Amino acid sequence: MNEIESREWQKWLTPLGRDLHLEKGTYLFQEGEKADDIYYIQSGKIQISKMDMDGRELALRICSEGDLIGELTLFCPGARYMLTAKALEDSVVSAIPRERLEQELANNPTLAIELMKWMSVHFRKTQTKFRDLILHGKKGALYSTLIRLCNSYGVMKEDGILINVPLTNQELANFCGTAREVVNRMLGDLRKKGVISVQKGKICVHNLQYLRDEIACEGCPPELCRID
């Protein structure tokens, strides 16, 4: 979501809710809980994930300022959260009662259209993530995750793109739906080839084109090839 869209969301959504301050590692909501609120992120980063029957985690998104989460429960009577949301850093969110937001959407066509546009982009992002996971296997999932992280949080440096968000190998594995040991091995191979390096716990990508070539990158628009 670009800066202009974020300001539009904030104009309508922030006054509807109450502010919640979350410490790093705190769960905002967990899968299966009753969905009473929708959350608009004012600051910080929130990870959205899905747990399987064996307790394994599949990370789907890292959401930040201007994003709406819990939106899949709108206009669903008796809805429960389908996913889990956890703060990756100290964050502030606006908790908006679901019924109140539904009323606002029914009475505010402009806001309803903005939500539909945002959800359309969000669904397309999700489709491309599952495409990479299914069609390109574990390596494709990791390489596409690194590309998306570069597009979302990359900072240009003289020797490459620094992914300016600290992620453990386990957290990267969660985005790939695989084991940490597998990610450890693939990252080690990339370091040996000089494609990446790790600087103070953050990954720097030195050869982004290598990652793109390895997964036959289709050149998706930048607004889709993101981790948020």
Protein backbone atom coordinates (compact mmCIF):
# COMPACT_ATOMS: atom_id res chain seq x y z
CA MET A 1 0.00 0.00 0.00
CA ASN A 2 1.45 3.33 -0.99
CA GLU A 3 1.67 6.43 1.15
CA ILE A 4 -1.40 8.12 -0.40
CA GLU A 5 -3.58 5.07 0.23
CA SER A 6 -2.34 4.86 3.83
CA ARG A 7 -3.42 8.43 4.49
CA GLU A 8 -6.87 7.69 3.04
CA TRP A 9 -7.31 4.65 5.29
CA GLN A 10 -6.20 6.61 8.30
CA LYS A 11 -8.63 9.44 7.63
CA TRP A 12 -11.63 7.13 7.88
CA LEU A 13 -10.52 4.24 10.09
CA THR A 14 -8.55 5.71 12.98
CA PRO A 15 -11.50 7.62 14.55
CA LEU A 16 -13.58 4.42 14.60
CA GLY A 17 -11.39 2.47 17.01
CA ARG A 18 -9.49 2.47 20.27
CA ASP A 19 -5.70 2.41 20.44
CA LEU A 20 -3.90 -0.71 21.63
CA HIS A 21 -0.17 -0.79 22.43
CA LEU A 22 1.51 -4.14 21.82
CA GLU A 23 4.91 -5.26 23.01
CA LYS A 24 7.15 -7.33 20.76
CA GLY A 25 6.08 -10.98 20.82
CA THR A 26 2.51 -10.23 21.94
CA TYR A 27 -0.35 -11.95 20.15
CA LEU A 28 -2.97 -9.54 18.86
CA PHE A 29 -5.34 -12.41 18.12
CA GLN A 30 -5.06 -16.13 17.54
CA GLU A 31 -6.72 -18.51 15.14
CA GLY A 32 -10.14 -19.65 16.35
CA GLU A 33 -10.83 -16.70 18.64
CA LYS A 34 -14.08 -14.81 18.22
CA ALA A 35 -13.56 -11.98 15.72
CA ASP A 36 -15.01 -8.94 17.44
CA ASP A 37 -12.52 -6.39 16.08
CA ILE A 38 -10.73 -5.41 12.88
CA TYR A 39 -7.30 -3.82 13.35
CA TYR A 40 -5.69 -0.89 11.58
CA ILE A 41 -1.92 -0.67 12.13
CA GLN A 42 -0.67 2.77 13.11
CA SER A 43 2.96 1.78 13.73
CA GLY A 44 5.11 -1.31 14.11
CA LYS A 45 5.07 -4.67 12.34
CA ILE A 46 2.58 -7.52 12.77
CA GLN A 47 3.13 -11.02 11.37
CA ILE A 48 0.12 -12.95 10.05
CA SER A 49 0.46 -16.74 10.08
CA LYS A 50 -1.44 -20.03 9.93
CA MET A 51 -0.86 -23.07 12.12
CA ASP A 52 -1.39 -26.63 10.89
CA MET A 53 -2.58 -29.64 12.88
CA ASP A 54 1.02 -30.55 13.80
CA GLY A 55 1.75 -27.10 15.22
CA ARG A 56 3.88 -25.99 12.29
CA GLU A 57 3.62 -22.34 11.33
CA LEU A 58 3.22 -20.91 7.82
CA ALA A 59 3.90 -17.17 7.84
CA LEU A 60 1.84 -15.33 5.23
CA ARG A 61 2.41 -11.60 5.66
CA ILE A 62 4.35 -8.98 7.58
CA CYS A 63 1.99 -6.05 7.95
CA SER A 64 3.00 -2.52 8.87
CA GLU A 65 1.69 1.05 9.06
CA GLY A 66 -1.45 1.58 6.97
CA ASP A 67 -2.48 -2.09 6.79
CA LEU A 68 -5.76 -3.59 7.90
CA ILE A 69 -5.79 -7.05 9.51
CA GLY A 70 -8.65 -9.32 10.49
CA GLU A 71 -10.47 -8.07 7.38
CA LEU A 72 -11.46 -11.58 6.25
CA THR A 73 -14.12 -11.70 8.98
CA LEU A 74 -16.14 -8.76 7.66
CA PHE A 75 -19.84 -9.44 7.00
CA CYS A 76 -19.53 -12.98 8.39
CA PRO A 77 -21.95 -13.47 11.33
CA GLY A 78 -20.34 -15.37 14.19
CA ALA A 79 -16.93 -15.08 12.52
CA ARG A 80 -13.75 -16.31 14.15
CA TYR A 81 -10.21 -15.36 13.17
CA MET A 82 -8.82 -17.68 10.51
CA LEU A 83 -5.21 -16.63 11.14
CA THR A 84 -2.89 -15.58 13.98
CA ALA A 85 -1.40 -12.10 14.39
CA LYS A 86 1.77 -11.50 16.45
CA ALA A 87 3.76 -8.29 16.98
CA LEU A 88 7.29 -8.52 15.57
CA GLU A 89 8.17 -5.25 17.30
CA ASP A 90 6.48 -2.79 19.65
CA SER A 91 3.38 -1.69 17.76
CA VAL A 92 0.29 0.49 17.99
CA VAL A 93 -2.97 -0.62 16.39
CA SER A 94 -6.46 0.81 16.28
CA ALA A 95 -9.03 -1.83 17.29
CA ILE A 96 -12.24 -1.18 15.36
CA PRO A 97 -15.41 -3.07 16.37
CA ARG A 98 -16.30 -5.26 13.41
CA GLU A 99 -19.97 -4.30 13.42
CA ARG A 100 -19.11 -0.61 13.53
CA LEU A 101 -16.82 -0.93 10.52
CA GLU A 102 -19.49 -2.89 8.64
CA GLN A 103 -21.97 -0.07 9.28
CA GLU A 104 -19.44 2.51 8.10
CA LEU A 105 -18.79 0.55 4.91
CA ALA A 106 -22.53 0.32 4.22
CA ASN A 107 -22.91 4.09 4.61
CA ASN A 108 -19.62 5.24 3.06
CA PRO A 109 -19.27 4.10 -0.58
CA THR A 110 -15.86 5.72 -0.94
CA LEU A 111 -14.46 3.76 1.98
CA ALA A 112 -16.08 0.56 0.66
CA ILE A 113 -14.41 1.05 -2.71
CA GLU A 114 -11.02 1.71 -1.08
CA LEU A 115 -11.40 -1.51 0.93
CA MET A 116 -12.31 -3.50 -2.19
CA LYS A 117 -9.27 -2.13 -4.03
CA TRP A 118 -6.98 -2.95 -1.11
CA MET A 119 -8.38 -6.49 -0.72
CA SER A 120 -8.00 -7.10 -4.46
CA VAL A 121 -4.28 -6.31 -4.29
CA HIS A 122 -3.94 -8.36 -1.09
CA PHE A 123 -5.54 -11.45 -2.69
CA ARG A 124 -3.29 -11.14 -5.75
CA LYS A 125 -0.23 -10.99 -3.49
CA THR A 126 -1.38 -14.14 -1.71
CA GLN A 127 -1.90 -15.95 -5.01
CA THR A 128 1.63 -15.18 -6.17
CA LYS A 129 3.08 -16.41 -2.86
CA PHE A 130 1.30 -19.75 -3.11
CA ARG A 131 2.27 -19.99 -6.79
CA ASP A 132 5.95 -19.75 -5.88
CA LEU A 133 5.58 -22.19 -2.98
CA ILE A 134 3.77 -24.81 -5.07
CA LEU A 135 5.49 -24.47 -8.45
CA HIS A 136 9.09 -23.82 -7.37
CA GLY A 137 9.37 -25.89 -4.18
CA LYS A 138 11.37 -24.99 -1.09
CA LYS A 139 14.16 -23.20 -2.97
CA GLY A 140 11.67 -21.13 -4.94
CA ALA A 141 9.79 -20.27 -1.76
CA LEU A 142 12.97 -19.01 -0.07
CA TYR A 143 14.27 -17.11 -3.09
CA SER A 144 10.91 -15.43 -3.74
CA THR A 145 10.64 -14.55 -0.04
CA LEU A 146 14.04 -12.85 -0.17
CA ILE A 147 12.98 -10.94 -3.30
CA ARG A 148 9.76 -9.82 -1.62
CA LEU A 149 11.64 -8.76 1.50
CA CYS A 150 13.96 -6.67 -0.68
CA ASN A 151 10.96 -4.97 -2.30
CA SER A 152 9.26 -4.33 1.04
CA TYR A 153 12.13 -3.49 3.37
CA GLY A 154 15.20 -3.19 1.15
CA VAL A 155 17.68 -0.35 1.65
CA MET A 156 20.13 0.25 -1.19
CA LYS A 157 23.80 -0.06 -0.19
CA GLU A 158 26.98 0.13 -2.22
CA ASP A 159 27.29 -3.66 -2.30
CA GLY A 160 23.64 -4.66 -2.54
CA ILE A 161 20.22 -4.43 -0.91
CA LEU A 162 20.02 -4.63 2.88
CA ILE A 163 16.78 -6.19 4.14
CA ASN A 164 16.20 -3.79 7.00
CA VAL A 165 14.18 -6.10 9.22
CA PRO A 166 15.79 -8.74 11.47
CA LEU A 167 14.51 -12.27 10.78
CA THR A 168 15.77 -15.51 12.24
CA ASN A 169 16.28 -18.55 10.02
CA GLN A 170 13.25 -20.11 11.71
CA GLU A 171 11.11 -17.11 10.78
CA LEU A 172 12.31 -17.38 7.17
CA ALA A 173 11.51 -21.09 7.25
CA ASN A 174 7.98 -20.27 8.38
CA PHE A 175 7.48 -18.18 5.24
CA CYS A 176 8.63 -21.13 3.14
CA GLY A 177 6.60 -23.82 4.87
CA THR A 178 9.73 -25.85 5.56
CA ALA A 179 12.17 -26.75 8.32
CA ARG A 180 14.81 -24.39 9.69
CA GLU A 181 17.57 -26.87 8.79
CA VAL A 182 16.57 -26.70 5.11
CA VAL A 183 16.70 -22.90 5.14
CA ASN A 184 20.04 -22.99 6.96
CA ARG A 185 21.50 -25.12 4.17
CA MET A 186 20.09 -22.99 1.34
CA LEU A 187 21.26 -19.74 2.95
CA GLY A 188 24.69 -21.28 3.44
CA ASP A 189 24.86 -22.11 -0.27
CA LEU A 190 23.86 -18.55 -1.18
CA ARG A 191 26.56 -17.13 1.10
CA LYS A 192 29.21 -19.38 -0.49
CA LYS A 193 28.19 -18.10 -3.93
CA GLY A 194 28.35 -14.48 -2.75
CA VAL A 195 24.65 -13.93 -3.44
CA ILE A 196 23.93 -12.85 0.14
CA SER A 197 25.70 -12.03 3.38
CA VAL A 198 24.48 -11.50 6.93
CA GLN A 199 25.26 -8.16 8.56
CA LYS A 200 24.38 -7.76 12.25
CA GLY A 201 21.52 -10.22 12.00
CA LYS A 202 20.14 -8.75 8.75
CA ILE A 203 20.46 -10.23 5.27
CA CYS A 204 22.11 -8.23 2.50
CA VAL A 205 21.36 -9.42 -1.04
CA HIS A 206 24.30 -8.77 -3.37
CA ASN A 207 22.92 -10.42 -6.48
CA LEU A 208 19.16 -10.01 -6.76
CA GLN A 209 19.18 -11.04 -10.41
CA TYR A 210 20.55 -14.46 -9.48
CA LEU A 211 17.51 -15.10 -7.27
CA ARG A 212 15.17 -13.93 -10.03
CA ASP A 213 16.82 -16.12 -12.66
CA GLU A 214 16.74 -19.21 -10.43
CA ILE A 215 12.95 -19.05 -10.06
CA ALA A 216 12.24 -17.82 -13.60
CA CYS A 217 10.85 -14.59 -12.16
CA GLU A 218 7.81 -13.42 -14.12
CA GLY A 219 8.43 -9.75 -13.36
CA CYS A 220 5.33 -9.16 -11.24
CA PRO A 221 4.48 -5.49 -10.55
CA PRO A 222 6.25 -4.14 -7.44
CA GLU A 223 2.94 -3.72 -5.61
CA LEU A 224 2.40 -7.49 -5.81
CA CYS A 225 5.94 -8.76 -5.22
CA ARG A 226 5.98 -7.81 -1.56
CA ILE A 227 5.92 -9.60 1.79
CA ASP A 228 3.20 -7.39 3.33
